[in-house]
Amino acid sequence: MASSSSIAVRELPLFPLPEVVLFPGRPLPLHIFEFRYRMMMNTILEDDRRFGVLMVDPIGGEIAKVGCCAEVIRFQRLPDDRMKILTLGQQRFRVLEYVREKPYRVGLVEWIEDEPPTEDLRPLARDVEKLLRDVVHLSAKLIDQKIELPDDLPSLPLELSYWVAGNLYGVASEQQTLLEMQDTMARLQRESEILTSTRNHLAARTALKDVLKS
């Protein structure tokens, strides 16, 4: 019997972006100016407003095989047919093959989801949230500015894992690894490691700053 994910295959216009990894539930604003992508947007706005975002490795130029579907929430037409759009990440997908590459890429994709968890992930999610709050508190202390997490920070483990991954900066390859994982626990555990390392680094810098001040 075929799994539901292997049945859920569709063609999707694709937008490769250098060092951009989109996650479900996360916003992505874009400025569309290249002719081929203006064509793509005009086409999808008449359809279901969805396209796929794939990360491009800036060094090798390699395009990732796993990406996230983006849905256009708002758009504004600018002079010269340029466009500002706001998109929101929907479900993840894997590219099975390219159907065409001109004027823009269109891929045959299958949707992917995390495997159902076999144990309660809420304690792990709470640990990750506490680490996140520690990192934000130390960052604010270090730069003497107020930084606050949003009031609507996701509480469900899967959504929290996407939120944390989507808010990591300057580590696109790490984000891509997190996007490709199909195990919520493994994603949260990896985020716990990243946040612990960041917290320790910030704590050391904050301590040094306090010493130099005194």
N, C-alpha and C. Protein backbone atom coordinates (compact mmCIF):
# COMPACT_ATOMS: atom_id res chain seq x y z
N MET A 1 0.85 -1.20 0.00
CA MET A 1 0.00 0.00 0.00
C MET A 1 0.88 1.25 0.00
N ALA A 2 0.61 2.19 -0.88
CA ALA A 2 1.43 3.41 -0.96
C ALA A 2 1.07 4.33 0.19
N SER A 3 2.09 5.01 0.72
CA SER A 3 1.82 5.96 1.80
C SER A 3 1.17 7.20 1.21
N SER A 4 0.48 7.97 2.08
CA SER A 4 -0.23 9.16 1.60
C SER A 4 0.75 10.17 1.02
N SER A 5 1.98 10.22 1.58
CA SER A 5 2.94 11.22 1.10
C SER A 5 3.38 10.93 -0.33
N SER A 6 3.43 9.63 -0.70
CA SER A 6 3.87 9.31 -2.06
C SER A 6 2.76 9.57 -3.08
N ILE A 7 1.49 9.62 -2.60
CA ILE A 7 0.38 9.91 -3.49
C ILE A 7 0.29 11.42 -3.72
N ALA A 8 0.60 12.19 -2.66
CA ALA A 8 0.46 13.65 -2.72
C ALA A 8 1.60 14.28 -3.51
N VAL A 9 1.54 14.11 -4.82
CA VAL A 9 2.58 14.65 -5.70
C VAL A 9 1.94 15.71 -6.59
N ARG A 10 2.64 16.83 -6.78
CA ARG A 10 2.10 17.87 -7.67
C ARG A 10 3.24 18.65 -8.29
N GLU A 11 2.89 19.40 -9.34
CA GLU A 11 3.88 20.30 -9.94
C GLU A 11 3.85 21.61 -9.16
N LEU A 12 5.04 22.19 -8.94
CA LEU A 12 5.13 23.41 -8.15
C LEU A 12 6.19 24.33 -8.76
N PRO A 13 5.86 25.60 -9.03
CA PRO A 13 6.88 26.55 -9.47
C PRO A 13 7.90 26.72 -8.35
N LEU A 14 9.17 26.83 -8.70
CA LEU A 14 10.23 26.85 -7.68
C LEU A 14 11.04 28.13 -7.73
N PHE A 15 11.36 28.65 -6.56
CA PHE A 15 12.11 29.89 -6.43
C PHE A 15 13.35 29.60 -5.59
N PRO A 16 14.51 29.33 -6.23
CA PRO A 16 15.74 29.10 -5.46
C PRO A 16 16.28 30.43 -4.93
N LEU A 17 16.65 30.47 -3.65
CA LEU A 17 17.15 31.69 -3.03
C LEU A 17 18.44 31.41 -2.26
N PRO A 18 19.49 32.21 -2.48
CA PRO A 18 20.76 31.99 -1.77
C PRO A 18 20.59 32.13 -0.25
N GLU A 19 20.97 31.09 0.45
CA GLU A 19 21.01 31.09 1.93
C GLU A 19 19.68 31.45 2.60
N VAL A 20 18.56 31.17 1.93
CA VAL A 20 17.24 31.38 2.54
C VAL A 20 16.57 30.02 2.72
N VAL A 21 16.23 29.71 3.99
CA VAL A 21 15.53 28.46 4.29
C VAL A 21 14.21 28.84 4.95
N LEU A 22 13.11 28.50 4.29
CA LEU A 22 11.78 28.83 4.81
C LEU A 22 11.23 27.63 5.59
N PHE A 23 10.53 27.93 6.68
CA PHE A 23 9.91 26.88 7.50
C PHE A 23 8.40 27.08 7.56
N PRO A 24 7.64 25.99 7.76
CA PRO A 24 6.18 26.12 7.89
C PRO A 24 5.82 27.13 9.00
N GLY A 25 4.85 27.99 8.68
CA GLY A 25 4.37 28.95 9.67
C GLY A 25 5.19 30.21 9.79
N ARG A 26 6.32 30.29 9.05
CA ARG A 26 7.19 31.46 9.17
C ARG A 26 6.96 32.41 7.99
N PRO A 27 6.96 33.73 8.22
CA PRO A 27 6.77 34.70 7.13
C PRO A 27 8.05 34.90 6.33
N LEU A 28 7.90 35.20 5.06
CA LEU A 28 9.05 35.52 4.21
C LEU A 28 8.65 36.65 3.25
N PRO A 29 9.14 37.88 3.50
CA PRO A 29 8.89 38.98 2.57
C PRO A 29 9.89 38.91 1.41
N LEU A 30 9.43 39.21 0.21
CA LEU A 30 10.31 39.15 -0.97
C LEU A 30 10.07 40.36 -1.87
N HIS A 31 11.15 40.79 -2.52
CA HIS A 31 11.05 41.85 -3.53
C HIS A 31 11.32 41.18 -4.88
N ILE A 32 10.32 41.13 -5.72
CA ILE A 32 10.42 40.42 -7.00
C ILE A 32 10.77 41.41 -8.10
N PHE A 33 11.95 41.24 -8.70
CA PHE A 33 12.35 42.17 -9.77
C PHE A 33 12.84 41.47 -11.03
N GLU A 34 13.35 40.23 -10.91
CA GLU A 34 13.82 39.52 -12.11
C GLU A 34 12.62 39.18 -13.00
N PHE A 35 12.80 39.33 -14.31
CA PHE A 35 11.70 39.14 -15.26
C PHE A 35 11.04 37.77 -15.11
N ARG A 36 11.87 36.70 -15.00
CA ARG A 36 11.29 35.35 -14.95
C ARG A 36 10.44 35.15 -13.69
N TYR A 37 10.86 35.79 -12.57
CA TYR A 37 10.09 35.62 -11.34
C TYR A 37 8.87 36.54 -11.30
N ARG A 38 8.94 37.65 -12.04
CA ARG A 38 7.73 38.47 -12.20
C ARG A 38 6.69 37.67 -12.98
N MET A 39 7.17 36.96 -14.02
CA MET A 39 6.26 36.07 -14.79
C MET A 39 5.65 35.01 -13.88
N MET A 40 6.50 34.41 -13.04
CA MET A 40 6.05 33.35 -12.15
C MET A 40 4.98 33.86 -11.19
N MET A 41 5.23 35.03 -10.59
CA MET A 41 4.26 35.59 -9.64
C MET A 41 2.94 35.91 -10.31
N ASN A 42 3.01 36.50 -11.50
CA ASN A 42 1.76 36.81 -12.23
C ASN A 42 0.96 35.54 -12.51
N THR A 43 1.66 34.44 -12.78
CA THR A 43 1.00 33.16 -13.05
C THR A 43 0.38 32.59 -11.78
N ILE A 44 1.15 32.56 -10.68
CA ILE A 44 0.62 31.91 -9.47
C ILE A 44 -0.47 32.75 -8.80
N LEU A 45 -0.44 34.08 -9.01
CA LEU A 45 -1.48 34.92 -8.42
C LEU A 45 -2.84 34.65 -9.06
N GLU A 46 -2.83 34.10 -10.28
CA GLU A 46 -4.08 33.71 -10.94
C GLU A 46 -4.48 32.29 -10.58
N ASP A 47 -3.57 31.59 -9.87
CA ASP A 47 -3.82 30.20 -9.52
C ASP A 47 -4.02 30.08 -8.00
N ASP A 48 -3.21 29.26 -7.31
CA ASP A 48 -3.44 29.06 -5.87
C ASP A 48 -2.45 29.82 -4.99
N ARG A 49 -1.68 30.74 -5.62
CA ARG A 49 -0.76 31.63 -4.89
C ARG A 49 0.36 30.88 -4.18
N ARG A 50 0.71 29.71 -4.68
CA ARG A 50 1.75 28.92 -3.99
C ARG A 50 2.95 28.66 -4.91
N PHE A 51 4.13 28.69 -4.30
CA PHE A 51 5.35 28.31 -5.00
C PHE A 51 6.32 27.73 -3.97
N GLY A 52 7.36 27.08 -4.44
CA GLY A 52 8.31 26.45 -3.54
C GLY A 52 9.57 27.27 -3.37
N VAL A 53 10.05 27.38 -2.14
CA VAL A 53 11.32 28.06 -1.86
C VAL A 53 12.39 27.01 -1.58
N LEU A 54 13.50 27.10 -2.31
CA LEU A 54 14.61 26.16 -2.14
C LEU A 54 15.89 26.95 -1.85
N MET A 55 16.66 26.47 -0.89
CA MET A 55 17.91 27.14 -0.54
C MET A 55 19.01 26.82 -1.55
N VAL A 56 19.73 27.87 -1.97
CA VAL A 56 20.88 27.70 -2.86
C VAL A 56 22.15 27.88 -2.03
N ASP A 57 23.04 26.92 -2.12
CA ASP A 57 24.34 27.04 -1.45
C ASP A 57 25.15 28.10 -2.21
N PRO A 58 25.52 29.21 -1.53
CA PRO A 58 26.20 30.29 -2.25
C PRO A 58 27.60 29.93 -2.73
N ILE A 59 28.20 28.92 -2.12
CA ILE A 59 29.58 28.55 -2.50
C ILE A 59 29.56 27.65 -3.74
N GLY A 60 28.85 26.54 -3.65
CA GLY A 60 28.82 25.61 -4.79
C GLY A 60 27.71 25.87 -5.78
N GLY A 61 26.74 26.70 -5.39
CA GLY A 61 25.60 26.99 -6.27
C GLY A 61 24.61 25.85 -6.35
N GLU A 62 24.76 24.86 -5.46
CA GLU A 62 23.87 23.70 -5.49
C GLU A 62 22.50 24.06 -4.91
N ILE A 63 21.44 23.59 -5.55
CA ILE A 63 20.08 23.86 -5.09
C ILE A 63 19.60 22.67 -4.25
N ALA A 64 19.08 22.98 -3.07
CA ALA A 64 18.61 21.93 -2.16
C ALA A 64 17.46 21.15 -2.79
N LYS A 65 17.32 19.91 -2.36
CA LYS A 65 16.24 19.04 -2.87
C LYS A 65 14.97 19.16 -2.01
N VAL A 66 15.15 19.60 -0.76
CA VAL A 66 14.01 19.74 0.15
C VAL A 66 13.78 21.23 0.41
N GLY A 67 12.52 21.66 0.28
CA GLY A 67 12.19 23.06 0.50
C GLY A 67 10.86 23.19 1.20
N CYS A 68 10.33 24.41 1.19
CA CYS A 68 9.06 24.68 1.85
C CYS A 68 8.18 25.49 0.91
N CYS A 69 6.92 25.10 0.84
CA CYS A 69 5.96 25.81 0.00
C CYS A 69 5.62 27.15 0.64
N ALA A 70 5.59 28.21 -0.17
CA ALA A 70 5.23 29.54 0.31
C ALA A 70 3.90 29.95 -0.32
N GLU A 71 3.04 30.56 0.49
CA GLU A 71 1.77 31.06 -0.03
C GLU A 71 1.78 32.59 0.05
N VAL A 72 1.44 33.24 -1.05
CA VAL A 72 1.41 34.71 -1.07
C VAL A 72 0.21 35.19 -0.26
N ILE A 73 0.49 35.95 0.80
CA ILE A 73 -0.56 36.48 1.68
C ILE A 73 -0.97 37.87 1.23
N ARG A 74 0.04 38.70 0.91
CA ARG A 74 -0.22 40.06 0.43
C ARG A 74 0.77 40.39 -0.67
N PHE A 75 0.37 41.27 -1.59
CA PHE A 75 1.33 41.72 -2.61
C PHE A 75 1.04 43.16 -3.00
N GLN A 76 2.09 43.82 -3.44
CA GLN A 76 1.98 45.23 -3.86
C GLN A 76 2.75 45.38 -5.16
N ARG A 77 2.08 45.86 -6.18
CA ARG A 77 2.75 46.08 -7.46
C ARG A 77 3.48 47.43 -7.42
N LEU A 78 4.70 47.42 -7.91
CA LEU A 78 5.54 48.61 -7.94
C LEU A 78 5.78 49.02 -9.39
N PRO A 79 6.39 50.20 -9.63
CA PRO A 79 6.73 50.58 -11.01
C PRO A 79 7.61 49.51 -11.68
N ASP A 80 7.63 49.49 -13.00
CA ASP A 80 8.43 48.53 -13.78
C ASP A 80 7.97 47.09 -13.57
N ASP A 81 6.73 46.90 -13.11
CA ASP A 81 6.19 45.56 -12.90
C ASP A 81 6.90 44.79 -11.78
N ARG A 82 7.71 45.51 -10.99
CA ARG A 82 8.30 44.87 -9.81
C ARG A 82 7.18 44.62 -8.79
N MET A 83 7.48 43.85 -7.78
CA MET A 83 6.44 43.46 -6.84
C MET A 83 7.03 43.23 -5.46
N LYS A 84 6.31 43.67 -4.44
CA LYS A 84 6.67 43.29 -3.06
C LYS A 84 5.61 42.30 -2.61
N ILE A 85 6.07 41.17 -2.10
CA ILE A 85 5.10 40.17 -1.63
C ILE A 85 5.44 39.73 -0.22
N LEU A 86 4.41 39.35 0.51
CA LEU A 86 4.61 38.72 1.81
C LEU A 86 4.07 37.31 1.70
N THR A 87 4.92 36.35 2.03
CA THR A 87 4.51 34.94 1.94
C THR A 87 4.56 34.31 3.32
N LEU A 88 3.88 33.17 3.44
CA LEU A 88 3.90 32.41 4.68
C LEU A 88 4.22 30.96 4.33
N GLY A 89 5.15 30.39 5.09
CA GLY A 89 5.56 29.00 4.85
C GLY A 89 4.41 28.03 5.13
N GLN A 90 4.22 27.08 4.22
CA GLN A 90 3.19 26.06 4.38
C GLN A 90 3.88 24.71 4.60
N GLN A 91 3.52 23.68 3.83
CA GLN A 91 4.13 22.38 4.08
C GLN A 91 5.46 22.22 3.36
N ARG A 92 6.26 21.28 3.87
CA ARG A 92 7.57 21.00 3.26
C ARG A 92 7.40 20.02 2.09
N PHE A 93 8.38 20.03 1.20
CA PHE A 93 8.33 19.14 0.05
C PHE A 93 9.72 18.67 -0.34
N ARG A 94 9.75 17.60 -1.12
CA ARG A 94 11.00 17.10 -1.71
C ARG A 94 10.83 17.12 -3.22
N VAL A 95 11.83 17.64 -3.93
CA VAL A 95 11.78 17.68 -5.39
C VAL A 95 12.12 16.29 -5.93
N LEU A 96 11.21 15.73 -6.71
CA LEU A 96 11.44 14.41 -7.32
C LEU A 96 12.16 14.58 -8.66
N GLU A 97 11.74 15.58 -9.42
CA GLU A 97 12.40 15.88 -10.70
C GLU A 97 11.98 17.26 -11.17
N TYR A 98 12.79 17.84 -12.05
CA TYR A 98 12.41 19.12 -12.65
C TYR A 98 11.60 18.84 -13.91
N VAL A 99 10.43 19.47 -13.99
CA VAL A 99 9.57 19.30 -15.15
C VAL A 99 10.04 20.23 -16.27
N ARG A 100 10.46 21.45 -15.86
CA ARG A 100 11.05 22.37 -16.83
C ARG A 100 11.92 23.38 -16.08
N GLU A 101 12.82 24.04 -16.81
CA GLU A 101 13.72 24.99 -16.17
C GLU A 101 13.60 26.40 -16.74
N LYS A 102 12.85 26.56 -17.85
CA LYS A 102 12.67 27.88 -18.45
C LYS A 102 11.18 28.18 -18.58
N PRO A 103 10.75 29.43 -18.41
CA PRO A 103 11.52 30.60 -18.00
C PRO A 103 11.89 30.57 -16.51
N TYR A 104 11.19 29.71 -15.74
CA TYR A 104 11.56 29.48 -14.33
C TYR A 104 11.38 28.00 -14.05
N ARG A 105 11.99 27.54 -12.98
CA ARG A 105 11.94 26.11 -12.67
C ARG A 105 10.55 25.69 -12.18
N VAL A 106 10.13 24.53 -12.65
CA VAL A 106 8.92 23.89 -12.14
C VAL A 106 9.31 22.46 -11.79
N GLY A 107 8.98 22.04 -10.59
CA GLY A 107 9.36 20.70 -10.16
C GLY A 107 8.17 19.82 -9.85
N LEU A 108 8.37 18.54 -9.99
CA LEU A 108 7.41 17.56 -9.51
C LEU A 108 7.82 17.29 -8.07
N VAL A 109 6.93 17.58 -7.11
CA VAL A 109 7.32 17.47 -5.71
C VAL A 109 6.38 16.55 -4.94
N GLU A 110 6.91 16.00 -3.84
CA GLU A 110 6.05 15.25 -2.91
C GLU A 110 6.13 15.94 -1.56
N TRP A 111 5.00 16.00 -0.87
CA TRP A 111 4.95 16.63 0.45
C TRP A 111 5.59 15.71 1.47
N ILE A 112 6.29 16.29 2.44
CA ILE A 112 6.88 15.48 3.51
C ILE A 112 6.43 16.03 4.87
N GLU A 113 6.31 15.14 5.83
CA GLU A 113 5.89 15.51 7.18
C GLU A 113 6.76 14.77 8.19
N ASP A 114 6.76 15.26 9.43
CA ASP A 114 7.46 14.54 10.49
C ASP A 114 6.72 13.25 10.81
N GLU A 115 7.47 12.24 11.22
CA GLU A 115 6.85 11.00 11.68
C GLU A 115 6.10 11.29 12.98
N PRO A 116 4.97 10.61 13.23
CA PRO A 116 4.26 10.83 14.50
C PRO A 116 5.17 10.50 15.68
N PRO A 117 5.23 11.35 16.71
CA PRO A 117 6.13 11.08 17.85
C PRO A 117 5.69 9.85 18.63
N THR A 118 6.66 9.15 19.16
CA THR A 118 6.36 7.94 19.94
C THR A 118 6.35 8.23 21.44
N GLU A 119 6.73 9.45 21.82
CA GLU A 119 6.69 9.82 23.24
C GLU A 119 6.32 11.29 23.38
N ASP A 120 6.03 11.71 24.61
CA ASP A 120 5.62 13.08 24.88
C ASP A 120 6.81 14.03 24.70
N LEU A 121 6.69 14.95 23.76
CA LEU A 121 7.79 15.87 23.46
C LEU A 121 7.68 17.19 24.22
N ARG A 122 6.62 17.36 25.01
CA ARG A 122 6.43 18.66 25.69
C ARG A 122 7.54 19.03 26.67
N PRO A 123 8.08 18.06 27.46
CA PRO A 123 9.19 18.44 28.35
C PRO A 123 10.41 18.95 27.57
N LEU A 124 10.73 18.31 26.45
CA LEU A 124 11.85 18.74 25.62
C LEU A 124 11.57 20.12 25.03
N ALA A 125 10.33 20.34 24.59
CA ALA A 125 9.95 21.64 24.03
C ALA A 125 10.07 22.74 25.09
N ARG A 126 9.69 22.43 26.34
CA ARG A 126 9.82 23.42 27.42
C ARG A 126 11.28 23.75 27.67
N ASP A 127 12.15 22.74 27.61
CA ASP A 127 13.59 22.97 27.79
C ASP A 127 14.13 23.90 26.69
N VAL A 128 13.71 23.63 25.46
CA VAL A 128 14.16 24.45 24.32
C VAL A 128 13.66 25.89 24.49
N GLU A 129 12.42 26.04 24.93
CA GLU A 129 11.89 27.40 25.13
C GLU A 129 12.66 28.14 26.22
N LYS A 130 13.02 27.43 27.30
CA LYS A 130 13.79 28.08 28.38
C LYS A 130 15.16 28.52 27.86
N LEU A 131 15.81 27.66 27.09
CA LEU A 131 17.11 28.02 26.50
C LEU A 131 16.97 29.24 25.60
N LEU A 132 15.90 29.27 24.83
CA LEU A 132 15.64 30.39 23.93
C LEU A 132 15.50 31.69 24.73
N ARG A 133 14.75 31.62 25.83
CA ARG A 133 14.57 32.81 26.68
C ARG A 133 15.90 33.24 27.31
N ASP A 134 16.73 32.29 27.70
CA ASP A 134 18.05 32.61 28.25
C ASP A 134 18.90 33.34 27.22
N VAL A 135 18.88 32.83 25.99
CA VAL A 135 19.67 33.43 24.90
C VAL A 135 19.22 34.86 24.63
N VAL A 136 17.90 35.06 24.58
CA VAL A 136 17.35 36.40 24.33
C VAL A 136 17.72 37.35 25.47
N HIS A 137 17.62 36.88 26.72
CA HIS A 137 17.95 37.70 27.89
C HIS A 137 19.43 38.11 27.86
N LEU A 138 20.31 37.16 27.58
CA LEU A 138 21.75 37.45 27.55
C LEU A 138 22.11 38.36 26.38
N SER A 139 21.46 38.14 25.23
CA SER A 139 21.71 39.00 24.06
C SER A 139 21.33 40.44 24.38
N ALA A 140 20.17 40.61 25.02
CA ALA A 140 19.70 41.96 25.38
C ALA A 140 20.66 42.63 26.35
N LYS A 141 21.16 41.85 27.30
CA LYS A 141 22.10 42.38 28.30
C LYS A 141 23.40 42.81 27.63
N LEU A 142 23.83 42.01 26.66
CA LEU A 142 25.11 42.27 26.00
C LEU A 142 25.08 43.55 25.18
N ILE A 143 23.94 43.83 24.54
CA ILE A 143 23.88 45.02 23.67
C ILE A 143 23.12 46.18 24.32
N ASP A 144 22.73 45.99 25.60
CA ASP A 144 22.01 47.03 26.34
C ASP A 144 20.74 47.49 25.62
N GLN A 145 20.03 46.53 25.07
CA GLN A 145 18.76 46.85 24.41
C GLN A 145 17.70 45.85 24.83
N LYS A 146 16.45 46.29 24.73
CA LYS A 146 15.36 45.39 25.10
C LYS A 146 15.04 44.48 23.92
N ILE A 147 15.09 43.18 24.15
CA ILE A 147 14.69 42.21 23.12
C ILE A 147 13.64 41.31 23.76
N GLU A 148 12.53 41.16 23.11
CA GLU A 148 11.47 40.32 23.67
C GLU A 148 11.00 39.29 22.65
N LEU A 149 10.68 38.12 23.17
CA LEU A 149 10.08 37.09 22.32
C LEU A 149 8.60 37.44 22.11
N PRO A 150 8.03 37.02 20.99
CA PRO A 150 6.61 37.32 20.74
C PRO A 150 5.71 36.63 21.76
N ASP A 151 4.57 37.24 22.03
CA ASP A 151 3.61 36.64 22.98
C ASP A 151 3.04 35.34 22.45
N ASP A 152 2.99 35.23 21.12
CA ASP A 152 2.37 34.04 20.52
C ASP A 152 3.41 32.99 20.11
N LEU A 153 4.48 32.89 20.91
CA LEU A 153 5.48 31.85 20.65
C LEU A 153 4.78 30.48 20.69
N PRO A 154 4.97 29.64 19.67
CA PRO A 154 4.25 28.36 19.64
C PRO A 154 4.57 27.50 20.86
N SER A 155 3.55 26.82 21.38
CA SER A 155 3.77 25.93 22.52
C SER A 155 3.84 24.46 22.09
N LEU A 156 3.22 24.15 20.95
CA LEU A 156 3.26 22.77 20.46
C LEU A 156 4.67 22.43 19.97
N PRO A 157 5.20 21.26 20.33
CA PRO A 157 6.59 20.91 20.00
C PRO A 157 6.96 21.07 18.52
N LEU A 158 6.10 20.58 17.61
CA LEU A 158 6.42 20.66 16.19
C LEU A 158 6.52 22.11 15.74
N GLU A 159 5.51 22.93 16.09
CA GLU A 159 5.50 24.34 15.67
C GLU A 159 6.67 25.11 16.30
N LEU A 160 6.98 24.78 17.57
CA LEU A 160 8.11 25.44 18.24
C LEU A 160 9.42 25.10 17.53
N SER A 161 9.55 23.84 17.10
CA SER A 161 10.79 23.43 16.42
C SER A 161 10.97 24.20 15.11
N TYR A 162 9.87 24.47 14.41
CA TYR A 162 9.94 25.27 13.17
C TYR A 162 10.28 26.72 13.49
N TRP A 163 9.67 27.26 14.57
CA TRP A 163 9.88 28.67 14.93
C TRP A 163 11.36 28.90 15.26
N VAL A 164 11.91 28.03 16.09
CA VAL A 164 13.33 28.18 16.49
C VAL A 164 14.23 28.07 15.26
N ALA A 165 13.98 27.05 14.44
CA ALA A 165 14.82 26.85 13.24
C ALA A 165 14.74 28.04 12.30
N GLY A 166 13.54 28.61 12.16
CA GLY A 166 13.34 29.73 11.26
C GLY A 166 13.97 31.02 11.75
N ASN A 167 14.29 31.08 13.04
CA ASN A 167 14.86 32.29 13.62
C ASN A 167 16.35 32.18 13.93
N LEU A 168 16.98 31.13 13.43
CA LEU A 168 18.45 31.05 13.53
C LEU A 168 19.03 31.92 12.42
N TYR A 169 20.10 32.65 12.73
CA TYR A 169 20.65 33.56 11.73
C TYR A 169 22.07 33.18 11.32
N GLY A 170 22.34 33.34 10.03
CA GLY A 170 23.70 33.13 9.52
C GLY A 170 24.15 31.69 9.46
N VAL A 171 23.22 30.76 9.57
CA VAL A 171 23.58 29.33 9.54
C VAL A 171 22.63 28.58 8.60
N ALA A 172 22.60 29.00 7.34
CA ALA A 172 21.64 28.42 6.39
C ALA A 172 21.81 26.92 6.24
N SER A 173 23.06 26.42 6.24
CA SER A 173 23.26 24.97 6.05
C SER A 173 22.70 24.20 7.25
N GLU A 174 22.84 24.77 8.45
CA GLU A 174 22.27 24.14 9.65
C GLU A 174 20.74 24.17 9.57
N GLN A 175 20.19 25.28 9.11
CA GLN A 175 18.74 25.39 8.94
C GLN A 175 18.23 24.36 7.93
N GLN A 176 18.99 24.17 6.86
CA GLN A 176 18.58 23.21 5.84
C GLN A 176 18.53 21.80 6.42
N THR A 177 19.52 21.47 7.26
CA THR A 177 19.53 20.16 7.93
C THR A 177 18.29 19.99 8.80
N LEU A 178 17.94 21.05 9.54
CA LEU A 178 16.75 21.01 10.40
C LEU A 178 15.47 20.88 9.58
N LEU A 179 15.43 21.55 8.42
CA LEU A 179 14.25 21.47 7.54
C LEU A 179 14.06 20.05 7.01
N GLU A 180 15.16 19.39 6.70
CA GLU A 180 15.09 18.05 6.09
C GLU A 180 14.75 16.96 7.09
N MET A 181 14.96 17.22 8.38
CA MET A 181 14.65 16.21 9.41
C MET A 181 13.16 15.89 9.40
N GLN A 182 12.83 14.62 9.58
CA GLN A 182 11.42 14.21 9.66
C GLN A 182 11.12 13.59 11.02
N ASP A 183 11.86 14.08 12.02
CA ASP A 183 11.71 13.61 13.40
C ASP A 183 11.72 14.85 14.29
N THR A 184 10.56 15.18 14.88
CA THR A 184 10.44 16.39 15.70
C THR A 184 11.40 16.35 16.88
N MET A 185 11.53 15.18 17.51
CA MET A 185 12.42 15.06 18.66
C MET A 185 13.87 15.36 18.27
N ALA A 186 14.31 14.81 17.15
CA ALA A 186 15.69 15.03 16.70
C ALA A 186 15.92 16.52 16.40
N ARG A 187 14.90 17.17 15.81
CA ARG A 187 15.04 18.60 15.50
C ARG A 187 15.16 19.42 16.78
N LEU A 188 14.29 19.13 17.76
CA LEU A 188 14.33 19.85 19.04
C LEU A 188 15.65 19.59 19.79
N GLN A 189 16.13 18.36 19.72
CA GLN A 189 17.40 18.03 20.40
C GLN A 189 18.56 18.81 19.77
N ARG A 190 18.57 18.89 18.44
CA ARG A 190 19.62 19.64 17.76
C ARG A 190 19.53 21.13 18.11
N GLU A 191 18.32 21.65 18.19
CA GLU A 191 18.13 23.06 18.56
C GLU A 191 18.56 23.31 19.99
N SER A 192 18.33 22.33 20.85
CA SER A 192 18.78 22.43 22.24
C SER A 192 20.31 22.55 22.30
N GLU A 193 20.99 21.76 21.48
CA GLU A 193 22.47 21.82 21.42
C GLU A 193 22.94 23.20 20.92
N ILE A 194 22.29 23.69 19.86
CA ILE A 194 22.67 24.99 19.28
C ILE A 194 22.45 26.11 20.30
N LEU A 195 21.28 26.10 20.95
CA LEU A 195 20.94 27.15 21.91
C LEU A 195 21.82 27.08 23.16
N THR A 196 22.16 25.86 23.60
CA THR A 196 23.04 25.70 24.77
C THR A 196 24.42 26.29 24.46
N SER A 197 24.93 25.98 23.29
CA SER A 197 26.23 26.51 22.87
C SER A 197 26.19 28.04 22.78
N THR A 198 25.11 28.57 22.19
CA THR A 198 24.95 30.02 22.07
C THR A 198 24.85 30.67 23.44
N ARG A 199 24.06 30.06 24.33
CA ARG A 199 23.89 30.61 25.69
C ARG A 199 25.23 30.66 26.42
N ASN A 200 26.01 29.58 26.33
CA ASN A 200 27.31 29.54 27.02
C ASN A 200 28.25 30.60 26.48
N HIS A 201 28.23 30.77 25.17
CA HIS A 201 29.07 31.78 24.52
C HIS A 201 28.66 33.19 24.97
N LEU A 202 27.36 33.46 24.98
CA LEU A 202 26.86 34.77 25.40
C LEU A 202 27.13 35.02 26.88
N ALA A 203 26.97 33.97 27.70
CA ALA A 203 27.21 34.11 29.15
C ALA A 203 28.66 34.49 29.41
N ALA A 204 29.58 33.87 28.65
CA ALA A 204 31.00 34.19 28.82
C ALA A 204 31.28 35.63 28.41
N ARG A 205 30.67 36.06 27.31
CA ARG A 205 30.88 37.44 26.83
C ARG A 205 30.27 38.46 27.80
N THR A 206 29.09 38.11 28.35
CA THR A 206 28.43 39.01 29.30
C THR A 206 29.26 39.14 30.57
N ALA A 207 29.80 38.00 31.03
CA ALA A 207 30.65 38.01 32.23
C ALA A 207 31.89 38.88 31.99
N LEU A 208 32.47 38.76 30.82
CA LEU A 208 33.66 39.56 30.47
C LEU A 208 33.31 41.04 30.44
N LYS A 209 32.14 41.36 29.88
CA LYS A 209 31.71 42.74 29.82
C LYS A 209 31.54 43.32 31.24
N ASP A 210 30.96 42.51 32.15
CA ASP A 210 30.77 42.94 33.53
C ASP A 210 32.10 43.18 34.23
N VAL A 211 33.07 42.31 33.95
CA VAL A 211 34.41 42.45 34.55
C VAL A 211 35.08 43.74 34.07
N LEU A 212 34.97 44.00 32.77
CA LEU A 212 35.61 45.19 32.20
C LEU A 212 34.95 46.47 32.71
N LYS A 213 33.65 46.37 33.01
CA LYS A 213 32.92 47.54 33.51
C LYS A 213 33.35 47.89 34.94
N SER A 214 33.62 46.84 35.75
CA SER A 214 33.87 47.06 37.17
C SER A 214 35.27 47.60 37.43
